[in-house]
Amino acid sequence: MFGTLAEEKLCHEHEQQLEVELSRECHEGDLKEKYRLSRVMEHKMELEEKVVSRQKAEYDRMRAERERKDLAKSSRHKKRKGT
């Protein structure tokens, strides 16, 4: 039913060795994933900067156009009133 103390000790040591190997493999995989994600993060940040810059430029352009139209509308309105 139960093995001898020496057999149990060997079994326990073998299980610990397997756990250490599995832990190392997991750690190695985690490091590879971390490296991959750090490379992706660089590209993500570059793309995000480009998108935000384009959105700001478009917003500024639209705001300037709206202000120009408002100014022209206000100017026409003043002319009609005679001020």
N, C-alpha and C. Protein backbone atom coordinates (compact mmCIF):
# COMPACT_ATOMS: atom_id res chain seq x y z
N MET A 1 0.82 -1.18 0.00
CA MET A 1 0.00 0.00 0.00
C MET A 1 0.86 1.24 0.00
N PHE A 2 1.65 1.47 1.02
CA PHE A 2 2.54 2.62 1.08
C PHE A 2 3.95 2.16 0.79
N GLY A 3 4.72 3.03 0.13
CA GLY A 3 6.10 2.70 -0.15
C GLY A 3 6.96 2.93 1.07
N THR A 4 8.19 2.58 0.93
CA THR A 4 9.11 2.79 2.04
C THR A 4 9.42 4.27 2.14
N LEU A 5 10.03 4.63 3.23
CA LEU A 5 10.38 6.03 3.45
C LEU A 5 11.32 6.52 2.35
N ALA A 6 12.26 5.69 1.93
CA ALA A 6 13.20 6.08 0.88
C ALA A 6 12.47 6.31 -0.45
N GLU A 7 11.49 5.43 -0.74
CA GLU A 7 10.73 5.58 -1.98
C GLU A 7 9.89 6.86 -1.95
N GLU A 8 9.28 7.14 -0.82
CA GLU A 8 8.48 8.35 -0.69
C GLU A 8 9.35 9.59 -0.82
N LYS A 9 10.54 9.53 -0.25
CA LYS A 9 11.47 10.66 -0.34
C LYS A 9 11.86 10.90 -1.80
N LEU A 10 12.19 9.82 -2.52
CA LEU A 10 12.54 9.94 -3.94
C LEU A 10 11.36 10.49 -4.75
N CYS A 11 10.19 10.00 -4.45
CA CYS A 11 8.99 10.47 -5.15
C CYS A 11 8.78 11.96 -4.88
N HIS A 12 8.92 12.37 -3.64
CA HIS A 12 8.77 13.77 -3.26
C HIS A 12 9.80 14.65 -3.96
N GLU A 13 11.05 14.20 -3.96
CA GLU A 13 12.12 14.98 -4.64
C GLU A 13 11.85 15.09 -6.13
N HIS A 14 11.36 14.00 -6.72
CA HIS A 14 11.05 14.02 -8.16
C HIS A 14 9.91 15.01 -8.44
N GLU A 15 8.88 15.01 -7.58
CA GLU A 15 7.77 15.95 -7.74
C GLU A 15 8.24 17.39 -7.60
N GLN A 16 9.12 17.63 -6.65
CA GLN A 16 9.65 18.98 -6.47
C GLN A 16 10.46 19.41 -7.69
N GLN A 17 11.24 18.49 -8.22
CA GLN A 17 12.05 18.80 -9.41
C GLN A 17 11.12 19.15 -10.59
N LEU A 18 10.05 18.38 -10.74
CA LEU A 18 9.10 18.65 -11.82
C LEU A 18 8.44 20.02 -11.63
N GLU A 19 8.10 20.36 -10.40
CA GLU A 19 7.50 21.66 -10.10
C GLU A 19 8.47 22.79 -10.43
N VAL A 20 9.75 22.61 -10.09
CA VAL A 20 10.76 23.63 -10.38
C VAL A 20 10.90 23.80 -11.89
N GLU A 21 10.96 22.69 -12.62
CA GLU A 21 11.08 22.76 -14.08
C GLU A 21 9.86 23.45 -14.69
N LEU A 22 8.69 23.09 -14.20
CA LEU A 22 7.47 23.71 -14.71
C LEU A 22 7.45 25.21 -14.39
N SER A 23 7.89 25.56 -13.21
CA SER A 23 7.95 26.96 -12.82
C SER A 23 8.92 27.73 -13.71
N ARG A 24 10.06 27.13 -14.01
CA ARG A 24 11.04 27.78 -14.90
C ARG A 24 10.46 27.97 -16.29
N GLU A 25 9.78 26.94 -16.79
CA GLU A 25 9.17 27.05 -18.12
C GLU A 25 8.11 28.16 -18.15
N CYS A 26 7.31 28.20 -17.11
CA CYS A 26 6.30 29.26 -17.04
C CYS A 26 6.95 30.63 -16.97
N HIS A 27 7.99 30.75 -16.18
CA HIS A 27 8.69 32.02 -16.05
C HIS A 27 9.30 32.44 -17.39
N GLU A 28 9.90 31.48 -18.09
CA GLU A 28 10.50 31.77 -19.39
C GLU A 28 9.43 32.24 -20.37
N GLY A 29 8.28 31.57 -20.35
CA GLY A 29 7.17 31.97 -21.21
C GLY A 29 6.66 33.36 -20.85
N ASP A 30 6.59 33.64 -19.56
CA ASP A 30 6.15 34.96 -19.12
C ASP A 30 7.12 36.05 -19.57
N LEU A 31 8.41 35.77 -19.51
CA LEU A 31 9.41 36.75 -19.96
C LEU A 31 9.28 37.01 -21.45
N LYS A 32 9.07 35.95 -22.23
CA LYS A 32 8.89 36.12 -23.67
C LYS A 32 7.66 36.97 -23.96
N GLU A 33 6.58 36.71 -23.24
CA GLU A 33 5.35 37.48 -23.43
C GLU A 33 5.56 38.94 -23.02
N LYS A 34 6.28 39.15 -21.95
CA LYS A 34 6.57 40.52 -21.50
C LYS A 34 7.37 41.27 -22.57
N TYR A 35 8.36 40.62 -23.16
CA TYR A 35 9.17 41.23 -24.21
C TYR A 35 8.30 41.56 -25.42
N ARG A 36 7.43 40.61 -25.81
CA ARG A 36 6.55 40.84 -26.96
C ARG A 36 5.62 42.02 -26.70
N LEU A 37 5.05 42.06 -25.50
CA LEU A 37 4.13 43.14 -25.18
C LEU A 37 4.84 44.49 -25.10
N SER A 38 6.09 44.49 -24.64
CA SER A 38 6.82 45.77 -24.58
C SER A 38 7.08 46.30 -25.99
N ARG A 39 7.34 45.40 -26.94
CA ARG A 39 7.53 45.84 -28.33
C ARG A 39 6.21 46.37 -28.89
N VAL A 40 5.13 45.68 -28.60
CA VAL A 40 3.81 46.11 -29.08
C VAL A 40 3.45 47.46 -28.46
N MET A 41 3.79 47.64 -27.19
CA MET A 41 3.45 48.89 -26.49
C MET A 41 4.12 50.09 -27.17
N GLU A 42 5.37 49.91 -27.62
CA GLU A 42 6.06 51.00 -28.32
C GLU A 42 5.26 51.41 -29.56
N HIS A 43 4.83 50.43 -30.34
CA HIS A 43 4.07 50.72 -31.55
C HIS A 43 2.71 51.33 -31.21
N LYS A 44 2.10 50.84 -30.15
CA LYS A 44 0.80 51.37 -29.72
C LYS A 44 0.93 52.84 -29.37
N MET A 45 1.98 53.19 -28.63
CA MET A 45 2.16 54.58 -28.21
C MET A 45 2.42 55.48 -29.42
N GLU A 46 3.22 55.00 -30.37
CA GLU A 46 3.48 55.79 -31.59
C GLU A 46 2.18 56.02 -32.35
N LEU A 47 1.39 54.97 -32.51
CA LEU A 47 0.13 55.09 -33.24
C LEU A 47 -0.82 56.03 -32.50
N GLU A 48 -0.87 55.89 -31.20
CA GLU A 48 -1.75 56.74 -30.40
C GLU A 48 -1.37 58.21 -30.55
N GLU A 49 -0.08 58.51 -30.55
CA GLU A 49 0.37 59.89 -30.74
C GLU A 49 -0.05 60.43 -32.11
N LYS A 50 0.09 59.60 -33.15
CA LYS A 50 -0.31 60.02 -34.49
C LYS A 50 -1.80 60.30 -34.55
N VAL A 51 -2.60 59.40 -33.98
CA VAL A 51 -4.06 59.56 -34.02
C VAL A 51 -4.47 60.82 -33.26
N VAL A 52 -3.92 61.01 -32.08
CA VAL A 52 -4.28 62.19 -31.28
C VAL A 52 -3.86 63.46 -32.01
N SER A 53 -2.70 63.45 -32.62
CA SER A 53 -2.23 64.62 -33.37
C SER A 53 -3.17 64.94 -34.54
N ARG A 54 -3.57 63.90 -35.27
CA ARG A 54 -4.49 64.11 -36.40
C ARG A 54 -5.84 64.62 -35.91
N GLN A 55 -6.33 64.05 -34.82
CA GLN A 55 -7.61 64.49 -34.29
C GLN A 55 -7.55 65.94 -33.84
N LYS A 56 -6.45 66.34 -33.21
CA LYS A 56 -6.29 67.72 -32.75
C LYS A 56 -6.25 68.66 -33.95
N ALA A 57 -5.49 68.27 -34.99
CA ALA A 57 -5.41 69.11 -36.19
C ALA A 57 -6.78 69.27 -36.82
N GLU A 58 -7.54 68.18 -36.91
CA GLU A 58 -8.88 68.24 -37.50
C GLU A 58 -9.80 69.10 -36.63
N TYR A 59 -9.71 68.95 -35.33
CA TYR A 59 -10.53 69.76 -34.41
C TYR A 59 -10.19 71.24 -34.57
N ASP A 60 -8.90 71.56 -34.60
CA ASP A 60 -8.47 72.95 -34.75
C ASP A 60 -8.95 73.53 -36.07
N ARG A 61 -8.87 72.73 -37.14
CA ARG A 61 -9.31 73.18 -38.46
C ARG A 61 -10.81 73.47 -38.45
N MET A 62 -11.57 72.56 -37.86
CA MET A 62 -13.03 72.73 -37.83
C MET A 62 -13.42 73.92 -36.95
N ARG A 63 -12.71 74.12 -35.85
CA ARG A 63 -13.00 75.25 -34.97
C ARG A 63 -12.70 76.56 -35.68
N ALA A 64 -11.58 76.62 -36.38
CA ALA A 64 -11.22 77.84 -37.11
C ALA A 64 -12.25 78.13 -38.20
N GLU A 65 -12.69 77.07 -38.88
CA GLU A 65 -13.69 77.25 -39.93
C GLU A 65 -15.01 77.75 -39.33
N ARG A 66 -15.41 77.19 -38.21
CA ARG A 66 -16.64 77.61 -37.54
C ARG A 66 -16.53 79.07 -37.08
N GLU A 67 -15.37 79.43 -36.53
CA GLU A 67 -15.17 80.82 -36.09
C GLU A 67 -15.21 81.77 -37.28
N ARG A 68 -14.62 81.36 -38.40
CA ARG A 68 -14.62 82.19 -39.61
C ARG A 68 -16.05 82.39 -40.10
N LYS A 69 -16.85 81.31 -40.10
CA LYS A 69 -18.24 81.41 -40.54
C LYS A 69 -19.04 82.29 -39.58
N ASP A 70 -18.81 82.11 -38.28
CA ASP A 70 -19.51 82.93 -37.29
C ASP A 70 -19.17 84.40 -37.46
N LEU A 71 -17.90 84.69 -37.73
CA LEU A 71 -17.46 86.06 -37.93
C LEU A 71 -18.11 86.65 -39.19
N ALA A 72 -18.14 85.86 -40.25
CA ALA A 72 -18.76 86.33 -41.49
C ALA A 72 -20.25 86.55 -41.28
N LYS A 73 -20.91 85.66 -40.57
CA LYS A 73 -22.33 85.79 -40.29
C LYS A 73 -22.60 87.03 -39.43
N SER A 74 -21.76 87.24 -38.45
CA SER A 74 -21.90 88.40 -37.57
C SER A 74 -21.68 89.68 -38.37
N SER A 75 -20.73 89.66 -39.26
CA SER A 75 -20.43 90.83 -40.08
C SER A 75 -21.60 91.16 -40.99
N ARG A 76 -22.21 90.15 -41.60
CA ARG A 76 -23.38 90.38 -42.47
C ARG A 76 -24.55 90.90 -41.66
N HIS A 77 -24.70 90.38 -40.47
CA HIS A 77 -25.80 90.79 -39.59
C HIS A 77 -25.64 92.28 -39.21
N LYS A 78 -24.43 92.71 -38.92
CA LYS A 78 -24.16 94.11 -38.56
C LYS A 78 -24.45 95.01 -39.74
N LYS A 79 -24.08 94.57 -40.96
CA LYS A 79 -24.30 95.39 -42.15
C LYS A 79 -25.80 95.61 -42.37
N ARG A 80 -26.59 94.56 -42.13
CA ARG A 80 -28.03 94.70 -42.33
C ARG A 80 -28.66 95.66 -41.33
N LYS A 81 -28.13 95.66 -40.10
CA LYS A 81 -28.65 96.53 -39.08
C LYS A 81 -28.18 97.96 -39.29
N GLY A 82 -27.06 98.10 -40.02
CA GLY A 82 -26.53 99.41 -40.28
C GLY A 82 -25.59 99.92 -39.20
N THR A 83 -25.00 99.01 -38.46
CA THR A 83 -24.08 99.44 -37.40
C THR A 83 -22.67 99.41 -37.85
